[in-house]
């Protein structure tokens, strides 16, 4: 498997700004996708495309919204079985959820467990010298607030050259039972770039990175969001990341967030 350890949406429609209920609806829908998306974005520039075969890894983050004062802890558990086959050796299986969710309801904050859990399988279809291509089927199950769930897939292409790492994603998902907060169909396209700083000292452990995501759901305006940050690779198995997230930065209802995240690979699973 190729190594990547050293690499690294026009303004919103007026009704979204004027009608609080509509704006809250879209922000709520956005939140349901953020748990798995943080991990997905990092696949394009700082994390490996999939966890090394035979190892278990955890992506954890603390996310504070400056806009709404909400706080959540998205967690993704990832495991790639050791083997030589596409489903057993070249596919990473993961579970993503919010281990803690503190939201503003009726003027007060409520602490609760995740509203949904997302299951994914990221299969590497092409493992090249510089270019890698993967497909990630996904299924989301709601615990509360919605009926049914969502299913879909994300295509990922990543290109690495020298200290630079860049990639693109194209995703599609559909609801088993659509609602205002769970749109019938959603499309999204993303791109990301990261560059490990040069040198052999402390600076060489830092990788600045950025992502841009365009999202459109049936019955809602498009949303364009920007993400930027820097990762510090403390050891080969442990990394720390500080990022900013601007959902609806160029289009859609704005939600500005600060993210503190860690990636911890526990090594071989015996």
C-alpha atoms as a PDB file:
ATOM      1  CA  UNK A   1       0.000   0.000   0.000  1.00  0.00           C
ATOM      2  CA  UNK A   2       1.358   3.442  -0.911  1.00  0.00           C
ATOM      3  CA  UNK A   3       2.455   5.513   2.096  1.00  0.00           C
ATOM      4  CA  UNK A   4       1.270   9.063   2.742  1.00  0.00           C
ATOM      5  CA  UNK A   5       2.574   9.585   6.273  1.00  0.00           C
ATOM      6  CA  UNK A   6       4.872  12.470   5.322  1.00  0.00           C
ATOM      7  CA  UNK A   7       2.492  14.352   2.986  1.00  0.00           C
ATOM      8  CA  UNK A   8       0.294  16.173   3.353  1.00  0.00           C
ATOM      9  CA  UNK A   9     -19.941  27.352  -2.275  1.00  0.00           C
ATOM     10  CA  UNK A  10     -22.788  33.073  -4.566  1.00  0.00           C
ATOM     11  CA  UNK A  11     -24.361  34.379  -1.316  1.00  0.00           C
ATOM     12  CA  UNK A  12     -27.176  32.428   0.364  1.00  0.00           C
ATOM     13  CA  UNK A  13     -30.792  32.942  -0.689  1.00  0.00           C
ATOM     14  CA  UNK A  14     -32.482  35.725   1.299  1.00  0.00           C
ATOM     15  CA  UNK A  15     -35.066  33.455   2.864  1.00  0.00           C
ATOM     16  CA  UNK A  16     -32.341  31.484   4.610  1.00  0.00           C
ATOM     17  CA  UNK A  17     -31.139  34.662   6.279  1.00  0.00           C
ATOM     18  CA  UNK A  18     -34.595  35.981   7.122  1.00  0.00           C
ATOM     19  CA  UNK A  19     -36.446  32.852   8.237  1.00  0.00           C
ATOM     20  CA  UNK A  20     -34.879  31.387  11.423  1.00  0.00           C
ATOM     21  CA  UNK A  21     -36.706  28.063  11.086  1.00  0.00           C
ATOM     22  CA  UNK A  22     -35.360  27.430   7.593  1.00  0.00           C
ATOM     23  CA  UNK A  23     -31.838  28.408   8.607  1.00  0.00           C
ATOM     24  CA  UNK A  24     -31.888  26.151  11.658  1.00  0.00           C
ATOM     25  CA  UNK A  25     -33.176  23.294   9.540  1.00  0.00           C
ATOM     26  CA  UNK A  26     -30.231  23.431   7.158  1.00  0.00           C
ATOM     27  CA  UNK A  27     -27.696  23.838   9.964  1.00  0.00           C
ATOM     28  CA  UNK A  28     -29.182  20.800  11.700  1.00  0.00           C
ATOM     29  CA  UNK A  29     -28.869  18.801   8.500  1.00  0.00           C
ATOM     30  CA  UNK A  30     -25.261  19.906   8.123  1.00  0.00           C
ATOM     31  CA  UNK A  31     -24.405  18.749  11.618  1.00  0.00           C
ATOM     32  CA  UNK A  32     -25.564  15.222  10.849  1.00  0.00           C
ATOM     33  CA  UNK A  33     -22.831  14.894   8.191  1.00  0.00           C
ATOM     34  CA  UNK A  34     -19.896  16.476  10.016  1.00  0.00           C
ATOM     35  CA  UNK A  35     -18.853  13.520  12.106  1.00  0.00           C
ATOM     36  CA  UNK A  36     -17.673  11.421   9.189  1.00  0.00           C
ATOM     37  CA  UNK A  37     -16.669  14.393   6.997  1.00  0.00           C
ATOM     38  CA  UNK A  38     -13.786  15.518   9.221  1.00  0.00           C
ATOM     39  CA  UNK A  39     -12.146  12.134   8.790  1.00  0.00           C
ATOM     40  CA  UNK A  40     -12.973  12.073   5.058  1.00  0.00           C
ATOM     41  CA  UNK A  41     -11.397  15.493   4.415  1.00  0.00           C
ATOM     42  CA  UNK A  42      -8.143  14.477   6.086  1.00  0.00           C
ATOM     43  CA  UNK A  43      -7.812  11.487   3.738  1.00  0.00           C
ATOM     44  CA  UNK A  44      -6.979  13.991   0.982  1.00  0.00           C
ATOM     45  CA  UNK A  45      -3.844  15.473   2.513  1.00  0.00           C
ATOM     46  CA  UNK A  46      -2.598  14.372   5.933  1.00  0.00           C
ATOM     47  CA  UNK A  47      -3.944  10.934   6.893  1.00  0.00           C
ATOM     48  CA  UNK A  48      -3.316   7.794   4.924  1.00  0.00           C
ATOM     49  CA  UNK A  49      -6.035   6.958   2.385  1.00  0.00           C
ATOM     50  CA  UNK A  50      -6.934   3.954   4.501  1.00  0.00           C
ATOM     51  CA  UNK A  51      -5.553   2.737   7.812  1.00  0.00           C
ATOM     52  CA  UNK A  52      -2.575   0.424   7.399  1.00  0.00           C
ATOM     53  CA  UNK A  53      -3.731  -3.212   6.976  1.00  0.00           C
ATOM     54  CA  UNK A  54      -3.958  -5.050  10.274  1.00  0.00           C
ATOM     55  CA  UNK A  55      -4.174  -1.878  12.376  1.00  0.00           C
ATOM     56  CA  UNK A  56      -6.880  -0.082  14.358  1.00  0.00           C
ATOM     57  CA  UNK A  57      -7.130   3.731  14.375  1.00  0.00           C
ATOM     58  CA  UNK A  58      -9.232   6.408  16.100  1.00  0.00           C
ATOM     59  CA  UNK A  59     -10.015   9.897  14.785  1.00  0.00           C
ATOM     60  CA  UNK A  60     -11.368  12.071  17.620  1.00  0.00           C
ATOM     61  CA  UNK A  61     -12.214  15.765  17.642  1.00  0.00           C
ATOM     62  CA  UNK A  62     -13.711  18.480  19.818  1.00  0.00           C
ATOM     63  CA  UNK A  63     -15.777  20.882  17.689  1.00  0.00           C
ATOM     64  CA  UNK A  64     -16.979  24.253  19.055  1.00  0.00           C
ATOM     65  CA  UNK A  65     -19.350  26.412  16.991  1.00  0.00           C
ATOM     66  CA  UNK A  66     -18.634  30.117  17.412  1.00  0.00           C
ATOM     67  CA  UNK A  67     -21.913  30.839  15.611  1.00  0.00           C
ATOM     68  CA  UNK A  68     -24.283  28.749  17.755  1.00  0.00           C
ATOM     69  CA  UNK A  69     -22.103  27.875  20.826  1.00  0.00           C
ATOM     70  CA  UNK A  70     -22.902  24.180  20.219  1.00  0.00           C
ATOM     71  CA  UNK A  71     -20.180  21.651  21.024  1.00  0.00           C
ATOM     72  CA  UNK A  72     -19.751  18.058  19.874  1.00  0.00           C
ATOM     73  CA  UNK A  73     -17.129  15.322  19.898  1.00  0.00           C
ATOM     74  CA  UNK A  74     -17.129  13.426  16.598  1.00  0.00           C
ATOM     75  CA  UNK A  75     -15.335  10.077  16.779  1.00  0.00           C
ATOM     76  CA  UNK A  76     -14.457   7.679  13.960  1.00  0.00           C
ATOM     77  CA  UNK A  77     -13.227   4.143  14.683  1.00  0.00           C
ATOM     78  CA  UNK A  78     -11.338   2.582  11.757  1.00  0.00           C
ATOM     79  CA  UNK A  79      -9.947  -0.893  11.109  1.00  0.00           C
ATOM     80  CA  UNK A  80      -8.374  -2.476   8.026  1.00  0.00           C
ATOM     81  CA  UNK A  81      -8.050  -6.280   8.166  1.00  0.00           C
ATOM     82  CA  UNK A  82      -4.713  -7.712   7.098  1.00  0.00           C
ATOM     83  CA  UNK A  83      -4.894  -9.605   3.807  1.00  0.00           C
ATOM     84  CA  UNK A  84      -4.403  -9.447   0.051  1.00  0.00           C
ATOM     85  CA  UNK A  85      -7.978  -9.203  -1.219  1.00  0.00           C
ATOM     86  CA  UNK A  86     -10.111  -6.160  -1.998  1.00  0.00           C
ATOM     87  CA  UNK A  87     -12.532  -6.796   0.877  1.00  0.00           C
ATOM     88  CA  UNK A  88      -9.944  -8.173   3.266  1.00  0.00           C
ATOM     89  CA  UNK A  89      -6.722  -6.215   3.111  1.00  0.00           C
ATOM     90  CA  UNK A  90      -7.575  -3.244   0.884  1.00  0.00           C
ATOM     91  CA  UNK A  91     -10.818  -2.077   2.548  1.00  0.00           C
ATOM     92  CA  UNK A  92     -11.007  -0.013   5.732  1.00  0.00           C
ATOM     93  CA  UNK A  93     -14.168  -0.479   7.804  1.00  0.00           C
ATOM     94  CA  UNK A  94     -15.252   2.405  10.039  1.00  0.00           C
ATOM     95  CA  UNK A  95     -17.963   3.618  12.418  1.00  0.00           C
ATOM     96  CA  UNK A  96     -18.544   7.360  12.941  1.00  0.00           C
ATOM     97  CA  UNK A  97     -20.662   9.036  15.617  1.00  0.00           C
ATOM     98  CA  UNK A  98     -20.721  11.928  18.089  1.00  0.00           C
ATOM     99  CA  UNK A  99     -19.549  10.647  21.464  1.00  0.00           C
ATOM    100  CA  UNK A 100     -20.880  13.873  23.028  1.00  0.00           C
ATOM    101  CA  UNK A 101     -23.273  16.486  21.624  1.00  0.00           C
ATOM    102  CA  UNK A 102     -24.103  19.743  23.456  1.00  0.00           C
ATOM    103  CA  UNK A 103     -26.771  21.708  21.561  1.00  0.00           C
ATOM    104  CA  UNK A 104     -28.899  24.812  22.168  1.00  0.00           C
ATOM    105  CA  UNK A 105     -32.559  23.882  22.574  1.00  0.00           C
ATOM    106  CA  UNK A 106     -35.195  26.385  23.700  1.00  0.00           C
ATOM    107  CA  UNK A 107     -32.641  28.822  25.074  1.00  0.00           C
ATOM    108  CA  UNK A 108     -30.742  26.202  27.093  1.00  0.00           C
ATOM    109  CA  UNK A 109     -28.018  23.701  26.300  1.00  0.00           C
ATOM    110  CA  UNK A 110     -28.779  19.983  26.262  1.00  0.00           C
ATOM    111  CA  UNK A 111     -26.081  17.308  26.466  1.00  0.00           C
ATOM    112  CA  UNK A 112     -26.859  14.126  24.567  1.00  0.00           C
ATOM    113  CA  UNK A 113     -25.357  11.190  22.706  1.00  0.00           C
ATOM    114  CA  UNK A 114     -25.042  11.093  18.935  1.00  0.00           C
ATOM    115  CA  UNK A 115     -28.233  11.498  16.862  1.00  0.00           C
ATOM    116  CA  UNK A 116     -26.897   9.088  14.217  1.00  0.00           C
ATOM    117  CA  UNK A 117     -24.166   6.586  13.436  1.00  0.00           C
ATOM    118  CA  UNK A 118     -22.509   6.145  10.043  1.00  0.00           C
ATOM    119  CA  UNK A 119     -20.979   2.884   8.803  1.00  0.00           C
ATOM    120  CA  UNK A 120     -18.465   3.018   5.948  1.00  0.00           C
ATOM    121  CA  UNK A 121     -16.167   0.774   3.962  1.00  0.00           C
ATOM    122  CA  UNK A 122     -13.336   2.502   2.065  1.00  0.00           C
ATOM    123  CA  UNK A 123     -11.979   0.198  -0.656  1.00  0.00           C
ATOM    124  CA  UNK A 124      -8.781   1.040  -2.547  1.00  0.00           C
ATOM    125  CA  UNK A 125      -9.537   0.295  -6.212  1.00  0.00           C
ATOM    126  CA  UNK A 126      -6.238   1.628  -7.605  1.00  0.00           C
ATOM    127  CA  UNK A 127      -2.994   1.741  -5.654  1.00  0.00           C
ATOM    128  CA  UNK A 128      -0.483   3.589  -7.823  1.00  0.00           C
ATOM    129  CA  UNK A 129       2.935   5.139  -7.347  1.00  0.00           C
ATOM    130  CA  UNK A 130       1.387   8.600  -6.893  1.00  0.00           C
ATOM    131  CA  UNK A 131      -2.310   8.267  -7.727  1.00  0.00           C
ATOM    132  CA  UNK A 132      -4.733   6.291  -5.579  1.00  0.00           C
ATOM    133  CA  UNK A 133      -8.478   5.843  -6.127  1.00  0.00           C
ATOM    134  CA  UNK A 134     -10.980   4.550  -3.557  1.00  0.00           C
ATOM    135  CA  UNK A 135     -14.738   4.043  -3.231  1.00  0.00           C
ATOM    136  CA  UNK A 136     -16.510   4.456   0.110  1.00  0.00           C
ATOM    137  CA  UNK A 137     -20.093   3.140   0.441  1.00  0.00           C
ATOM    138  CA  UNK A 138     -21.872   4.629   3.462  1.00  0.00           C
ATOM    139  CA  UNK A 139     -24.995   3.933   5.524  1.00  0.00           C
ATOM    140  CA  UNK A 140     -26.351   6.200   8.281  1.00  0.00           C
ATOM    141  CA  UNK A 141     -28.862   5.148  10.927  1.00  0.00           C
ATOM    142  CA  UNK A 142     -30.713   7.769  13.013  1.00  0.00           C
ATOM    143  CA  UNK A 143     -31.225   7.241  16.726  1.00  0.00           C
ATOM    144  CA  UNK A 144     -33.732  10.076  17.201  1.00  0.00           C
ATOM    145  CA  UNK A 145     -35.355  13.015  15.411  1.00  0.00           C
ATOM    146  CA  UNK A 146     -35.692  11.216  12.069  1.00  0.00           C
ATOM    147  CA  UNK A 147     -37.093   7.971  10.697  1.00  0.00           C
ATOM    148  CA  UNK A 148     -35.017   5.509   8.719  1.00  0.00           C
ATOM    149  CA  UNK A 149     -31.598   6.606   7.581  1.00  0.00           C
ATOM    150  CA  UNK A 150     -29.403   7.459   4.595  1.00  0.00           C
ATOM    151  CA  UNK A 151     -27.288   5.475   2.176  1.00  0.00           C
ATOM    152  CA  UNK A 152     -24.797   6.526  -0.464  1.00  0.00           C
ATOM    153  CA  UNK A 153     -21.167   6.468  -1.534  1.00  0.00           C
ATOM    154  CA  UNK A 154     -18.122   8.695  -1.948  1.00  0.00           C
ATOM    155  CA  UNK A 155     -15.481   8.379  -4.680  1.00  0.00           C
ATOM    156  CA  UNK A 156     -12.001   9.530  -3.644  1.00  0.00           C
ATOM    157  CA  UNK A 157      -8.943  10.272  -5.792  1.00  0.00           C
ATOM    158  CA  UNK A 158      -5.643  11.305  -4.218  1.00  0.00           C
ATOM    159  CA  UNK A 159      -2.345  12.350  -5.801  1.00  0.00           C
ATOM    160  CA  UNK A 160       0.958  12.631  -3.950  1.00  0.00           C
ATOM    161  CA  UNK A 161       4.162  14.188  -5.214  1.00  0.00           C
ATOM    162  CA  UNK A 162       7.100  15.116  -3.012  1.00  0.00           C
ATOM    163  CA  UNK A 163       5.835  16.892   0.083  1.00  0.00           C
ATOM    164  CA  UNK A 164       2.522  17.750  -1.586  1.00  0.00           C
ATOM    165  CA  UNK A 165      -0.704  15.803  -1.295  1.00  0.00           C
ATOM    166  CA  UNK A 166      -3.986  16.704  -3.010  1.00  0.00           C
ATOM    167  CA  UNK A 167      -7.291  15.015  -3.725  1.00  0.00           C
ATOM    168  CA  UNK A 168     -10.900  15.261  -4.813  1.00  0.00           C
ATOM    169  CA  UNK A 169     -14.135  13.640  -3.658  1.00  0.00           C
ATOM    170  CA  UNK A 170     -17.564  13.178  -5.226  1.00  0.00           C
ATOM    171  CA  UNK A 171     -20.413  12.003  -2.987  1.00  0.00           C
ATOM    172  CA  UNK A 172     -24.073  11.097  -3.286  1.00  0.00           C
ATOM    173  CA  UNK A 173     -26.565  10.064  -0.616  1.00  0.00           C
ATOM    174  CA  UNK A 174     -30.323   9.429  -0.387  1.00  0.00           C
ATOM    175  CA  UNK A 175     -32.826   9.226   2.460  1.00  0.00           C
ATOM    176  CA  UNK A 176     -34.946   6.170   3.136  1.00  0.00           C
ATOM    177  CA  UNK A 177     -37.585   8.562   4.551  1.00  0.00           C
ATOM    178  CA  UNK A 178     -37.050  12.189   3.544  1.00  0.00           C
ATOM    179  CA  UNK A 179     -37.933  15.196   5.707  1.00  0.00           C
ATOM    180  CA  UNK A 180     -36.987  18.875   6.121  1.00  0.00           C
ATOM    181  CA  UNK A 181     -33.806  17.869   7.965  1.00  0.00           C
ATOM    182  CA  UNK A 182     -33.150  14.709   5.970  1.00  0.00           C
ATOM    183  CA  UNK A 183     -33.315  15.651   2.242  1.00  0.00           C
ATOM    184  CA  UNK A 184     -34.269  13.066  -0.352  1.00  0.00           C
ATOM    185  CA  UNK A 185     -30.980  13.372  -2.259  1.00  0.00           C
ATOM    186  CA  UNK A 186     -27.706  15.191  -1.591  1.00  0.00           C
ATOM    187  CA  UNK A 187     -24.679  15.653  -3.850  1.00  0.00           C
ATOM    188  CA  UNK A 188     -21.328  17.010  -2.724  1.00  0.00           C
ATOM    189  CA  UNK A 189     -17.947  17.641  -4.332  1.00  0.00           C
ATOM    190  CA  UNK A 190     -14.773  18.424  -2.456  1.00  0.00           C
ATOM    191  CA  UNK A 191     -11.096  19.116  -2.968  1.00  0.00           C
ATOM    192  CA  UNK A 192      -8.183  19.330  -0.572  1.00  0.00           C
ATOM    193  CA  UNK A 193      -4.486  20.160  -0.511  1.00  0.00           C
ATOM    194  CA  UNK A 194      -1.740  19.769   2.062  1.00  0.00           C
ATOM    195  CA  UNK A 195       2.036  20.274   2.139  1.00  0.00           C
ATOM    196  CA  UNK A 196       4.460  18.990   4.699  1.00  0.00           C
ATOM    197  CA  UNK A 197       6.911  21.703   5.685  1.00  0.00           C
ATOM    198  CA  UNK A 198      10.501  21.125   4.537  1.00  0.00           C
ATOM    199  CA  UNK A 199      13.484  20.334   6.724  1.00  0.00           C
ATOM    200  CA  UNK A 200      14.463  17.615   9.177  1.00  0.00           C
ATOM    201  CA  UNK A 201      13.664  19.335  12.482  1.00  0.00           C
ATOM    202  CA  UNK A 202      10.489  20.379  14.294  1.00  0.00           C
ATOM    203  CA  UNK A 203       8.989  22.182  11.294  1.00  0.00           C
ATOM    204  CA  UNK A 204       9.074  19.003   9.208  1.00  0.00           C
ATOM    205  CA  UNK A 205       6.398  17.534  11.501  1.00  0.00           C
ATOM    206  CA  UNK A 206       3.848  20.218  10.467  1.00  0.00           C
ATOM    207  CA  UNK A 207       1.445  19.917   7.516  1.00  0.00           C
ATOM    208  CA  UNK A 208      -0.756  22.941   6.687  1.00  0.00           C
ATOM    209  CA  UNK A 209      -3.888  21.867   4.809  1.00  0.00           C
ATOM    210  CA  UNK A 210      -7.120  23.237   3.308  1.00  0.00           C
ATOM    211  CA  UNK A 211     -10.396  21.882   1.890  1.00  0.00           C
ATOM    212  CA  UNK A 212     -13.257  23.294  -0.184  1.00  0.00           C
ATOM    213  CA  UNK A 213     -16.653  21.529  -0.310  1.00  0.00           C
ATOM    214  CA  UNK A 214     -19.710  22.238  -2.519  1.00  0.00           C
ATOM    215  CA  UNK A 215     -23.004  20.629  -1.410  1.00  0.00           C
ATOM    216  CA  UNK A 216     -26.502  20.634  -2.900  1.00  0.00           C
ATOM    217  CA  UNK A 217     -29.609  18.904  -1.605  1.00  0.00           C
ATOM    218  CA  UNK A 218     -33.017  18.590  -3.219  1.00  0.00           C
ATOM    219  CA  UNK A 219     -35.236  21.497  -2.144  1.00  0.00           C
ATOM    220  CA  UNK A 220     -32.431  23.644  -0.649  1.00  0.00           C
ATOM    221  CA  UNK A 221     -29.848  26.143  -1.976  1.00  0.00           C
ATOM    222  CA  UNK A 222     -26.269  25.043  -2.503  1.00  0.00           C
ATOM    223  CA  UNK A 223     -23.738  25.317   0.319  1.00  0.00           C
ATOM    224  CA  UNK A 224     -20.037  26.041  -0.136  1.00  0.00           C
ATOM    225  CA  UNK A 225     -17.752  25.544   2.844  1.00  0.00           C
ATOM    226  CA  UNK A 226     -14.057  26.072   3.603  1.00  0.00           C
ATOM    227  CA  UNK A 227     -11.805  24.222   6.026  1.00  0.00           C
ATOM    228  CA  UNK A 228      -8.207  25.062   6.909  1.00  0.00           C
ATOM    229  CA  UNK A 229      -5.733  24.001   9.553  1.00  0.00           C
ATOM    230  CA  UNK A 230      -2.384  22.484  10.424  1.00  0.00           C
ATOM    231  CA  UNK A 231      -1.483  19.005  11.661  1.00  0.00           C
ATOM    232  CA  UNK A 232       1.472  18.178  13.897  1.00  0.00           C
ATOM    233  CA  UNK A 233       2.738  14.597  13.565  1.00  0.00           C
ATOM    234  CA  UNK A 234       3.990  13.948  17.102  1.00  0.00           C
ATOM    235  CA  UNK A 235       4.955  10.305  16.462  1.00  0.00           C
ATOM    236  CA  UNK A 236       4.406   7.863  13.614  1.00  0.00           C
ATOM    237  CA  UNK A 237       1.177   6.757  15.302  1.00  0.00           C
ATOM    238  CA  UNK A 238      -0.100   9.934  16.957  1.00  0.00           C
ATOM    239  CA  UNK A 239      -0.973  13.303  15.378  1.00  0.00           C
ATOM    240  CA  UNK A 240      -2.608  16.535  16.627  1.00  0.00           C
ATOM    241  CA  UNK A 241      -4.635  18.875  14.398  1.00  0.00           C
ATOM    242  CA  UNK A 242      -5.972  22.417  14.888  1.00  0.00           C
ATOM    243  CA  UNK A 243      -8.469  23.596  12.258  1.00  0.00           C
ATOM    244  CA  UNK A 244     -11.135  26.134  11.414  1.00  0.00           C
ATOM    245  CA  UNK A 245     -14.379  25.232   9.640  1.00  0.00           C
ATOM    246  CA  UNK A 246     -16.542  27.770   7.836  1.00  0.00           C
ATOM    247  CA  UNK A 247     -19.735  26.046   6.751  1.00  0.00           C
ATOM    248  CA  UNK A 248     -21.633  28.229   4.308  1.00  0.00           C
ATOM    249  CA  UNK A 249     -18.583  30.456   3.828  1.00  0.00           C
ATOM    250  CA  UNK A 250     -19.574  31.572   0.302  1.00  0.00           C
ATOM    251  CA  UNK A 251     -23.102  30.190   0.023  1.00  0.00           C
ATOM    252  CA  UNK A 252     -25.547  28.821   2.552  1.00  0.00           C
ATOM    253  CA  UNK A 253     -26.220  29.635   6.226  1.00  0.00           C
ATOM    254  CA  UNK A 254     -22.901  30.366   7.993  1.00  0.00           C
ATOM    255  CA  UNK A 255     -21.564  28.286  10.862  1.00  0.00           C
ATOM    256  CA  UNK A 256     -18.008  29.044  12.019  1.00  0.00           C
ATOM    257  CA  UNK A 257     -16.270  26.359  14.071  1.00  0.00           C
ATOM    258  CA  UNK A 258     -12.963  25.618  15.787  1.00  0.00           C
ATOM    259  CA  UNK A 259     -11.737  22.010  15.767  1.00  0.00           C
ATOM    260  CA  UNK A 260      -9.119  20.318  17.948  1.00  0.00           C
ATOM    261  CA  UNK A 261      -8.489  16.767  16.725  1.00  0.00           C
ATOM    262  CA  UNK A 262      -6.201  13.790  17.250  1.00  0.00           C
ATOM    263  CA  UNK A 263      -5.478  10.723  15.139  1.00  0.00           C
ATOM    264  CA  UNK A 264      -4.172   7.714  17.049  1.00  0.00           C
ATOM    265  CA  UNK A 265      -3.127   4.468  15.389  1.00  0.00           C
ATOM    266  CA  UNK A 266      -2.946   1.614  17.894  1.00  0.00           C
ATOM    267  CA  UNK A 267      -0.774  -0.592  15.662  1.00  0.00           C
ATOM    268  CA  UNK A 268      -1.279  -4.206  14.772  1.00  0.00           C
ATOM    269  CA  UNK A 269      -4.357  -5.953  16.131  1.00  0.00           C
ATOM    270  CA  UNK A 270      -3.520  -9.466  17.303  1.00  0.00           C
END
